[in-house]
Amino acid sequence: MTESENQRRGIEAARLSEQELIRELENIHRSRHDTLLHGAPAALASHTTRMAELEEEYLRRHPDRPVTAGRTRAGARARTHTESDGPSR
């Protein structure tokens, strides 16, 4: 990556410390909605590329991260099944 590209896209995700990576992820997720709604096509494309780079690095570093049961397909199915049963009496 050239110096100019580095300034536009930020430091390569693999070179960020853990604290920097988390901060970058928080910032990019916070700004995503606004970029989607109001950003130029090039800004949205750049945002998408950077977000994917940061997320891939996080997943590379944390392959065994804890996953909440409700965030799995089985958990979502169980939640939907329970919700469709209607109110309990």
C-alpha atoms as a PDB file:
ATOM      1  CA  MET A   1       0.000   0.000   0.000  1.00  0.00           C
ATOM      2  CA  THR A   2       1.347   3.426  -0.901  1.00  0.00           C
ATOM      3  CA  GLU A   3       1.629   6.204   1.679  1.00  0.00           C
ATOM      4  CA  SER A   4      -1.290   8.011   0.017  1.00  0.00           C
ATOM      5  CA  GLU A   5      -3.483   4.885   0.212  1.00  0.00           C
ATOM      6  CA  ASN A   6      -2.417   4.361   3.815  1.00  0.00           C
ATOM      7  CA  GLN A   7      -3.560   7.868   4.733  1.00  0.00           C
ATOM      8  CA  ARG A   8      -6.939   7.348   3.050  1.00  0.00           C
ATOM      9  CA  ARG A   9      -7.630   3.861   4.397  1.00  0.00           C
ATOM     10  CA  GLY A  10      -5.744   3.896   7.672  1.00  0.00           C
ATOM     11  CA  ILE A  11      -3.150   1.542   9.067  1.00  0.00           C
ATOM     12  CA  GLU A  12      -3.383  -2.058   7.878  1.00  0.00           C
ATOM     13  CA  ALA A  13      -5.616  -3.950  10.286  1.00  0.00           C
ATOM     14  CA  ALA A  14      -2.947  -6.577  10.952  1.00  0.00           C
ATOM     15  CA  ARG A  15      -0.590  -3.859  12.205  1.00  0.00           C
ATOM     16  CA  LEU A  16      -3.052  -2.420  14.749  1.00  0.00           C
ATOM     17  CA  SER A  17      -2.720  -3.247  18.416  1.00  0.00           C
ATOM     18  CA  GLU A  18      -5.675  -5.004  20.001  1.00  0.00           C
ATOM     19  CA  GLN A  19      -6.869  -1.752  21.581  1.00  0.00           C
ATOM     20  CA  GLU A  20      -6.526   0.133  18.284  1.00  0.00           C
ATOM     21  CA  LEU A  21      -8.383  -2.587  16.397  1.00  0.00           C
ATOM     22  CA  ILE A  22     -11.307  -2.498  18.830  1.00  0.00           C
ATOM     23  CA  ARG A  23     -11.421   1.315  18.676  1.00  0.00           C
ATOM     24  CA  GLU A  24     -11.369   1.263  14.860  1.00  0.00           C
ATOM     25  CA  LEU A  25     -14.173  -1.319  14.787  1.00  0.00           C
ATOM     26  CA  GLU A  26     -16.288   0.735  17.182  1.00  0.00           C
ATOM     27  CA  ASN A  27     -15.768   3.871  15.103  1.00  0.00           C
ATOM     28  CA  ILE A  28     -16.515   2.259  11.762  1.00  0.00           C
ATOM     29  CA  HIS A  29     -19.651   0.538  13.034  1.00  0.00           C
ATOM     30  CA  ARG A  30     -20.854   3.792  14.584  1.00  0.00           C
ATOM     31  CA  SER A  31     -20.427   5.650  11.278  1.00  0.00           C
ATOM     32  CA  ARG A  32     -21.835   2.903   9.019  1.00  0.00           C
ATOM     33  CA  HIS A  33     -25.475   3.971   9.009  1.00  0.00           C
ATOM     34  CA  ASP A  34     -24.692   7.584   8.165  1.00  0.00           C
ATOM     35  CA  THR A  35     -22.311   6.508   5.392  1.00  0.00           C
ATOM     36  CA  LEU A  36     -24.950   4.192   3.946  1.00  0.00           C
ATOM     37  CA  LEU A  37     -27.633   6.874   3.970  1.00  0.00           C
ATOM     38  CA  HIS A  38     -25.605   9.910   2.954  1.00  0.00           C
ATOM     39  CA  GLY A  39     -22.201   8.879   1.608  1.00  0.00           C
ATOM     40  CA  ALA A  40     -21.178   9.069  -2.022  1.00  0.00           C
ATOM     41  CA  PRO A  41     -20.857   5.687  -3.771  1.00  0.00           C
ATOM     42  CA  ALA A  42     -17.059   5.850  -3.521  1.00  0.00           C
ATOM     43  CA  ALA A  43     -17.258   6.647   0.208  1.00  0.00           C
ATOM     44  CA  LEU A  44     -19.592   3.713   0.804  1.00  0.00           C
ATOM     45  CA  ALA A  45     -17.330   1.372  -1.154  1.00  0.00           C
ATOM     46  CA  SER A  46     -14.290   2.533   0.787  1.00  0.00           C
ATOM     47  CA  HIS A  47     -16.157   2.190   4.079  1.00  0.00           C
ATOM     48  CA  THR A  48     -17.258  -1.338   3.167  1.00  0.00           C
ATOM     49  CA  THR A  49     -13.714  -2.363   2.250  1.00  0.00           C
ATOM     50  CA  ARG A  50     -12.243  -0.981   5.457  1.00  0.00           C
ATOM     51  CA  MET A  51     -14.978  -2.481   7.632  1.00  0.00           C
ATOM     52  CA  ALA A  52     -14.416  -5.913   6.071  1.00  0.00           C
ATOM     53  CA  GLU A  53     -10.657  -5.615   6.600  1.00  0.00           C
ATOM     54  CA  LEU A  54     -11.090  -4.750  10.281  1.00  0.00           C
ATOM     55  CA  GLU A  55     -13.713  -7.440  10.894  1.00  0.00           C
ATOM     56  CA  GLU A  56     -11.631 -10.114   9.165  1.00  0.00           C
ATOM     57  CA  GLU A  57      -8.646  -9.195  11.324  1.00  0.00           C
ATOM     58  CA  TYR A  58     -10.749  -9.385  14.488  1.00  0.00           C
ATOM     59  CA  LEU A  59     -12.038 -12.828  13.478  1.00  0.00           C
ATOM     60  CA  ARG A  60      -8.503 -13.970  12.629  1.00  0.00           C
ATOM     61  CA  ARG A  61      -7.324 -12.964  16.094  1.00  0.00           C
ATOM     62  CA  HIS A  62     -10.372 -14.362  17.898  1.00  0.00           C
ATOM     63  CA  PRO A  63     -11.454 -17.567  16.131  1.00  0.00           C
ATOM     64  CA  ASP A  64     -12.917 -18.973  19.358  1.00  0.00           C
ATOM     65  CA  ARG A  65     -14.798 -15.853  20.414  1.00  0.00           C
ATOM     66  CA  PRO A  66     -17.909 -16.556  22.472  1.00  0.00           C
ATOM     67  CA  VAL A  67     -21.098 -16.673  20.424  1.00  0.00           C
ATOM     68  CA  THR A  68     -24.439 -15.839  22.031  1.00  0.00           C
ATOM     69  CA  ALA A  69     -26.924 -18.681  21.517  1.00  0.00           C
ATOM     70  CA  GLY A  70     -29.588 -16.289  20.216  1.00  0.00           C
ATOM     71  CA  ARG A  71     -27.191 -15.202  17.452  1.00  0.00           C
ATOM     72  CA  THR A  72     -27.089 -18.677  15.900  1.00  0.00           C
ATOM     73  CA  ARG A  73     -29.569 -20.143  13.412  1.00  0.00           C
ATOM     74  CA  ALA A  74     -30.809 -22.625  16.003  1.00  0.00           C
ATOM     75  CA  GLY A  75     -31.245 -19.858  18.559  1.00  0.00           C
ATOM     76  CA  ALA A  76     -33.098 -17.662  16.083  1.00  0.00           C
ATOM     77  CA  ARG A  77     -35.393 -20.545  15.127  1.00  0.00           C
ATOM     78  CA  ALA A  78     -36.132 -21.256  18.788  1.00  0.00           C
ATOM     79  CA  ARG A  79     -36.881 -17.588  19.409  1.00  0.00           C
ATOM     80  CA  THR A  80     -39.168 -17.360  16.374  1.00  0.00           C
ATOM     81  CA  HIS A  81     -40.971 -20.578  17.344  1.00  0.00           C
ATOM     82  CA  THR A  82     -41.539 -19.317  20.892  1.00  0.00           C
ATOM     83  CA  GLU A  83     -42.722 -15.912  19.670  1.00  0.00           C
ATOM     84  CA  SER A  84     -45.177 -17.470  17.205  1.00  0.00           C
ATOM     85  CA  ASP A  85     -46.755 -19.565  19.962  1.00  0.00           C
ATOM     86  CA  GLY A  86     -48.481 -16.394  21.150  1.00  0.00           C
ATOM     87  CA  PRO A  87     -48.808 -15.124  24.678  1.00  0.00           C
ATOM     88  CA  SER A  88     -48.727 -17.721  27.392  1.00  0.00           C
ATOM     89  CA  ARG A  89     -51.777 -18.025  29.636  1.00  0.00           C
END
